[in-house]
N, C-alpha and C. Protein backbone atom coordinates (compact mmCIF):
# COMPACT_ATOMS: atom_id res chain seq x y z
N MET A 1 -13.62 -43.43 16.32
CA MET A 1 -12.77 -43.62 17.48
C MET A 1 -11.36 -43.92 16.99
N ASN A 2 -10.40 -43.19 17.51
CA ASN A 2 -9.00 -43.46 17.16
C ASN A 2 -8.34 -44.27 18.29
N LYS A 3 -7.07 -44.60 18.11
CA LYS A 3 -6.39 -45.44 19.10
C LYS A 3 -6.36 -44.79 20.49
N GLY A 4 -6.13 -43.49 20.55
CA GLY A 4 -6.09 -42.80 21.84
C GLY A 4 -7.42 -42.88 22.57
N GLU A 5 -8.51 -42.74 21.83
CA GLU A 5 -9.85 -42.84 22.42
C GLU A 5 -10.13 -44.27 22.88
N LEU A 6 -9.67 -45.24 22.10
CA LEU A 6 -9.83 -46.64 22.47
C LEU A 6 -9.05 -46.95 23.75
N VAL A 7 -7.82 -46.47 23.83
CA VAL A 7 -6.99 -46.66 25.03
C VAL A 7 -7.71 -46.08 26.24
N HIS A 8 -8.25 -44.88 26.11
CA HIS A 8 -8.95 -44.22 27.21
C HIS A 8 -10.17 -45.05 27.65
N ALA A 9 -10.96 -45.53 26.68
CA ALA A 9 -12.16 -46.30 27.00
C ALA A 9 -11.80 -47.62 27.70
N ILE A 10 -10.78 -48.28 27.22
CA ILE A 10 -10.37 -49.55 27.84
C ILE A 10 -9.80 -49.31 29.23
N ALA A 11 -9.02 -48.25 29.40
CA ALA A 11 -8.46 -47.92 30.71
C ALA A 11 -9.58 -47.68 31.72
N GLU A 12 -10.62 -46.98 31.29
CA GLU A 12 -11.75 -46.71 32.19
C GLU A 12 -12.52 -47.99 32.54
N ARG A 13 -12.76 -48.85 31.56
CA ARG A 13 -13.55 -50.07 31.79
C ARG A 13 -12.81 -51.11 32.62
N THR A 14 -11.49 -51.11 32.54
CA THR A 14 -10.72 -52.17 33.21
C THR A 14 -9.97 -51.68 34.44
N SER A 15 -10.05 -50.41 34.74
CA SER A 15 -9.35 -49.82 35.89
C SER A 15 -7.84 -50.04 35.83
N VAL A 16 -7.26 -49.94 34.63
CA VAL A 16 -5.81 -49.96 34.47
C VAL A 16 -5.40 -48.59 33.96
N THR A 17 -4.11 -48.32 33.99
CA THR A 17 -3.64 -47.02 33.51
C THR A 17 -3.73 -46.97 31.99
N LYS A 18 -3.72 -45.76 31.46
CA LYS A 18 -3.74 -45.60 30.00
C LYS A 18 -2.48 -46.22 29.40
N LYS A 19 -1.37 -46.09 30.11
CA LYS A 19 -0.10 -46.65 29.62
C LYS A 19 -0.20 -48.17 29.50
N GLU A 20 -0.80 -48.82 30.51
CA GLU A 20 -0.97 -50.27 30.48
C GLU A 20 -1.93 -50.69 29.37
N ALA A 21 -3.04 -49.96 29.24
CA ALA A 21 -4.02 -50.26 28.20
C ALA A 21 -3.40 -50.12 26.81
N ASP A 22 -2.60 -49.06 26.62
CA ASP A 22 -1.93 -48.84 25.34
C ASP A 22 -0.96 -49.98 25.03
N ALA A 23 -0.23 -50.43 26.04
CA ALA A 23 0.72 -51.53 25.84
C ALA A 23 0.01 -52.82 25.43
N VAL A 24 -1.12 -53.10 26.05
CA VAL A 24 -1.87 -54.31 25.74
C VAL A 24 -2.46 -54.22 24.33
N ILE A 25 -3.06 -53.10 23.98
CA ILE A 25 -3.63 -52.93 22.65
C ILE A 25 -2.55 -53.04 21.58
N THR A 26 -1.43 -52.38 21.80
CA THR A 26 -0.33 -52.42 20.84
C THR A 26 0.18 -53.84 20.66
N ALA A 27 0.35 -54.56 21.76
CA ALA A 27 0.83 -55.95 21.69
C ALA A 27 -0.17 -56.84 20.96
N ALA A 28 -1.45 -56.65 21.22
CA ALA A 28 -2.49 -57.46 20.56
C ALA A 28 -2.49 -57.22 19.06
N ILE A 29 -2.42 -55.96 18.66
CA ILE A 29 -2.40 -55.62 17.23
C ILE A 29 -1.17 -56.19 16.56
N GLU A 30 -0.01 -56.07 17.21
CA GLU A 30 1.23 -56.61 16.64
C GLU A 30 1.15 -58.12 16.48
N CYS A 31 0.62 -58.81 17.49
CA CYS A 31 0.49 -60.28 17.42
C CYS A 31 -0.43 -60.69 16.28
N ILE A 32 -1.54 -59.99 16.10
CA ILE A 32 -2.48 -60.30 15.01
C ILE A 32 -1.79 -60.07 13.67
N MET A 33 -1.11 -58.95 13.50
CA MET A 33 -0.44 -58.66 12.23
C MET A 33 0.64 -59.68 11.91
N GLU A 34 1.43 -60.06 12.91
CA GLU A 34 2.49 -61.05 12.70
C GLU A 34 1.92 -62.41 12.30
N ALA A 35 0.86 -62.83 12.97
CA ALA A 35 0.26 -64.13 12.67
C ALA A 35 -0.32 -64.14 11.26
N VAL A 36 -1.03 -63.10 10.88
CA VAL A 36 -1.62 -63.03 9.54
C VAL A 36 -0.53 -62.95 8.47
N ALA A 37 0.55 -62.21 8.75
CA ALA A 37 1.67 -62.11 7.81
C ALA A 37 2.32 -63.47 7.59
N GLU A 38 2.27 -64.34 8.59
CA GLU A 38 2.85 -65.68 8.49
C GLU A 38 1.86 -66.69 7.91
N GLY A 39 0.69 -66.23 7.49
CA GLY A 39 -0.29 -67.10 6.87
C GLY A 39 -1.29 -67.73 7.82
N GLU A 40 -1.24 -67.36 9.09
CA GLU A 40 -2.19 -67.92 10.06
C GLU A 40 -3.49 -67.14 10.04
N LYS A 41 -4.56 -67.80 10.48
CA LYS A 41 -5.85 -67.14 10.64
C LYS A 41 -6.03 -66.88 12.13
N VAL A 42 -6.42 -65.67 12.50
CA VAL A 42 -6.65 -65.30 13.88
C VAL A 42 -8.15 -65.12 14.07
N THR A 43 -8.75 -65.95 14.94
CA THR A 43 -10.19 -65.89 15.17
C THR A 43 -10.46 -65.46 16.60
N LEU A 44 -11.23 -64.41 16.73
CA LEU A 44 -11.69 -63.92 18.03
C LEU A 44 -13.20 -64.16 18.05
N VAL A 45 -13.62 -65.23 18.73
CA VAL A 45 -15.02 -65.66 18.70
C VAL A 45 -15.94 -64.49 19.08
N GLY A 46 -16.94 -64.29 18.25
CA GLY A 46 -17.90 -63.21 18.47
C GLY A 46 -17.49 -61.91 17.81
N PHE A 47 -16.18 -61.68 17.68
CA PHE A 47 -15.69 -60.44 17.07
C PHE A 47 -15.46 -60.63 15.59
N GLY A 48 -14.61 -61.60 15.24
CA GLY A 48 -14.34 -61.85 13.83
C GLY A 48 -13.02 -62.55 13.61
N SER A 49 -12.66 -62.67 12.33
CA SER A 49 -11.44 -63.37 11.95
C SER A 49 -10.58 -62.49 11.06
N PHE A 50 -9.28 -62.59 11.28
CA PHE A 50 -8.29 -61.90 10.45
C PHE A 50 -7.54 -62.98 9.69
N GLU A 51 -7.31 -62.76 8.39
CA GLU A 51 -6.56 -63.73 7.61
C GLU A 51 -5.94 -63.05 6.39
N SER A 52 -5.05 -63.79 5.75
CA SER A 52 -4.41 -63.33 4.53
C SER A 52 -5.15 -63.98 3.37
N ARG A 53 -5.46 -63.20 2.34
CA ARG A 53 -6.13 -63.75 1.16
C ARG A 53 -5.29 -63.47 -0.08
N GLU A 54 -5.36 -64.40 -1.02
CA GLU A 54 -4.66 -64.25 -2.29
C GLU A 54 -5.54 -63.42 -3.23
N ARG A 55 -4.94 -62.43 -3.84
CA ARG A 55 -5.64 -61.67 -4.87
C ARG A 55 -5.00 -62.04 -6.20
N LYS A 56 -5.79 -62.53 -7.14
CA LYS A 56 -5.27 -62.98 -8.43
C LYS A 56 -4.78 -61.82 -9.28
N GLU A 57 -3.90 -62.15 -10.21
CA GLU A 57 -3.47 -61.16 -11.20
C GLU A 57 -4.69 -60.75 -12.01
N ARG A 58 -4.79 -59.47 -12.33
CA ARG A 58 -5.95 -59.01 -13.08
C ARG A 58 -5.57 -57.84 -13.98
N GLU A 59 -6.45 -57.57 -14.89
CA GLU A 59 -6.22 -56.47 -15.82
C GLU A 59 -6.86 -55.20 -15.26
N GLY A 60 -6.16 -54.11 -15.36
CA GLY A 60 -6.69 -52.83 -14.92
C GLY A 60 -6.36 -51.76 -15.94
N ARG A 61 -6.65 -50.53 -15.61
CA ARG A 61 -6.34 -49.41 -16.50
C ARG A 61 -5.64 -48.32 -15.71
N ASN A 62 -4.65 -47.71 -16.34
CA ASN A 62 -3.98 -46.57 -15.74
C ASN A 62 -4.96 -45.40 -15.81
N PRO A 63 -5.33 -44.81 -14.66
CA PRO A 63 -6.34 -43.75 -14.68
C PRO A 63 -5.89 -42.48 -15.42
N LYS A 64 -4.60 -42.25 -15.50
CA LYS A 64 -4.11 -41.05 -16.20
C LYS A 64 -4.12 -41.22 -17.72
N THR A 65 -3.66 -42.39 -18.18
CA THR A 65 -3.51 -42.60 -19.63
C THR A 65 -4.59 -43.50 -20.21
N ASN A 66 -5.36 -44.16 -19.36
CA ASN A 66 -6.39 -45.10 -19.76
C ASN A 66 -5.81 -46.33 -20.47
N GLU A 67 -4.49 -46.54 -20.35
CA GLU A 67 -3.85 -47.70 -20.94
C GLU A 67 -4.15 -48.94 -20.11
N LYS A 68 -4.29 -50.08 -20.81
CA LYS A 68 -4.47 -51.34 -20.10
C LYS A 68 -3.15 -51.70 -19.43
N MET A 69 -3.26 -52.32 -18.25
CA MET A 69 -2.07 -52.77 -17.54
C MET A 69 -2.41 -54.01 -16.73
N VAL A 70 -1.39 -54.77 -16.38
CA VAL A 70 -1.60 -55.97 -15.58
C VAL A 70 -1.28 -55.63 -14.12
N ILE A 71 -2.24 -55.90 -13.26
CA ILE A 71 -2.03 -55.71 -11.83
C ILE A 71 -1.60 -57.07 -11.29
N PRO A 72 -0.39 -57.16 -10.73
CA PRO A 72 0.13 -58.47 -10.32
C PRO A 72 -0.64 -59.09 -9.14
N ALA A 73 -0.54 -60.40 -9.04
CA ALA A 73 -1.14 -61.12 -7.91
C ALA A 73 -0.45 -60.69 -6.63
N THR A 74 -1.19 -60.69 -5.54
CA THR A 74 -0.63 -60.28 -4.25
C THR A 74 -1.44 -60.89 -3.11
N LYS A 75 -0.90 -60.79 -1.92
CA LYS A 75 -1.64 -61.20 -0.72
C LYS A 75 -2.14 -59.93 -0.04
N VAL A 76 -3.35 -60.00 0.50
CA VAL A 76 -3.92 -58.85 1.20
C VAL A 76 -4.50 -59.31 2.53
N PRO A 77 -4.45 -58.47 3.56
CA PRO A 77 -5.09 -58.82 4.82
C PRO A 77 -6.61 -58.68 4.68
N ALA A 78 -7.36 -59.53 5.38
CA ALA A 78 -8.81 -59.48 5.31
C ALA A 78 -9.39 -59.70 6.70
N PHE A 79 -10.54 -59.08 6.92
CA PHE A 79 -11.26 -59.23 8.19
C PHE A 79 -12.69 -59.63 7.88
N SER A 80 -13.19 -60.64 8.57
CA SER A 80 -14.58 -61.05 8.46
C SER A 80 -15.21 -60.90 9.84
N ALA A 81 -16.25 -60.10 9.92
CA ALA A 81 -16.91 -59.88 11.20
C ALA A 81 -17.65 -61.13 11.65
N GLY A 82 -17.62 -61.38 12.97
CA GLY A 82 -18.34 -62.50 13.56
C GLY A 82 -19.81 -62.18 13.75
N LYS A 83 -20.59 -63.21 14.05
CA LYS A 83 -22.04 -63.04 14.20
C LYS A 83 -22.41 -62.02 15.27
N LEU A 84 -21.79 -62.10 16.44
CA LEU A 84 -22.13 -61.15 17.51
C LEU A 84 -21.84 -59.71 17.10
N PHE A 85 -20.73 -59.51 16.39
CA PHE A 85 -20.35 -58.17 15.92
C PHE A 85 -21.39 -57.68 14.89
N LYS A 86 -21.75 -58.54 13.96
CA LYS A 86 -22.74 -58.17 12.94
C LYS A 86 -24.07 -57.83 13.58
N ASP A 87 -24.48 -58.65 14.57
CA ASP A 87 -25.75 -58.40 15.25
C ASP A 87 -25.73 -57.11 16.04
N LYS A 88 -24.57 -56.74 16.58
CA LYS A 88 -24.45 -55.49 17.35
C LYS A 88 -24.58 -54.28 16.41
N VAL A 89 -23.99 -54.39 15.23
CA VAL A 89 -24.02 -53.29 14.26
C VAL A 89 -25.40 -53.16 13.61
N ALA A 90 -25.99 -54.29 13.25
CA ALA A 90 -27.29 -54.27 12.56
C ALA A 90 -28.24 -55.25 13.24
N PRO A 91 -28.77 -54.86 14.41
CA PRO A 91 -29.69 -55.76 15.12
C PRO A 91 -30.93 -56.07 14.29
N ASN A 92 -31.35 -57.32 14.35
CA ASN A 92 -32.56 -57.79 13.67
C ASN A 92 -32.50 -57.72 12.16
N SER A 93 -31.31 -57.53 11.57
CA SER A 93 -31.24 -57.44 10.11
C SER A 93 -31.48 -58.77 9.44
N GLY A 94 -31.26 -59.88 10.16
CA GLY A 94 -31.47 -61.20 9.57
C GLY A 94 -32.80 -61.81 9.92
N ASP A 95 -33.62 -61.09 10.70
CA ASP A 95 -34.91 -61.64 11.13
C ASP A 95 -36.00 -61.29 10.11
N ASN A 96 -36.49 -62.30 9.44
CA ASN A 96 -37.58 -62.11 8.48
C ASN A 96 -38.76 -62.99 8.85
N ASP A 97 -39.01 -63.15 10.13
CA ASP A 97 -40.04 -64.05 10.62
C ASP A 97 -41.43 -63.42 10.64
N GLU A 98 -41.55 -62.18 10.30
CA GLU A 98 -42.86 -61.50 10.43
C GLU A 98 -43.72 -61.70 9.21
């Protein structure tokens, strides 16, 4: 599903125009990106959490020359799915009661 398909699905479910749905989705995504860029954690209960994580400096190899190189430390965005989201994707995957 791409953004256009998401806009269409939300417009149908909420009885708003596609233009309104697009504006809301765009604003929500921008707010999440801005908050994470500022070091905040954004938690949407049941869906998941967005946050910034530190990636340590590490050694890597240049794939063309196979030379060793240092990959500098950096911050990366991360998403952790919430329990309801995980259960929707893989129902009963955690049930070992049988």
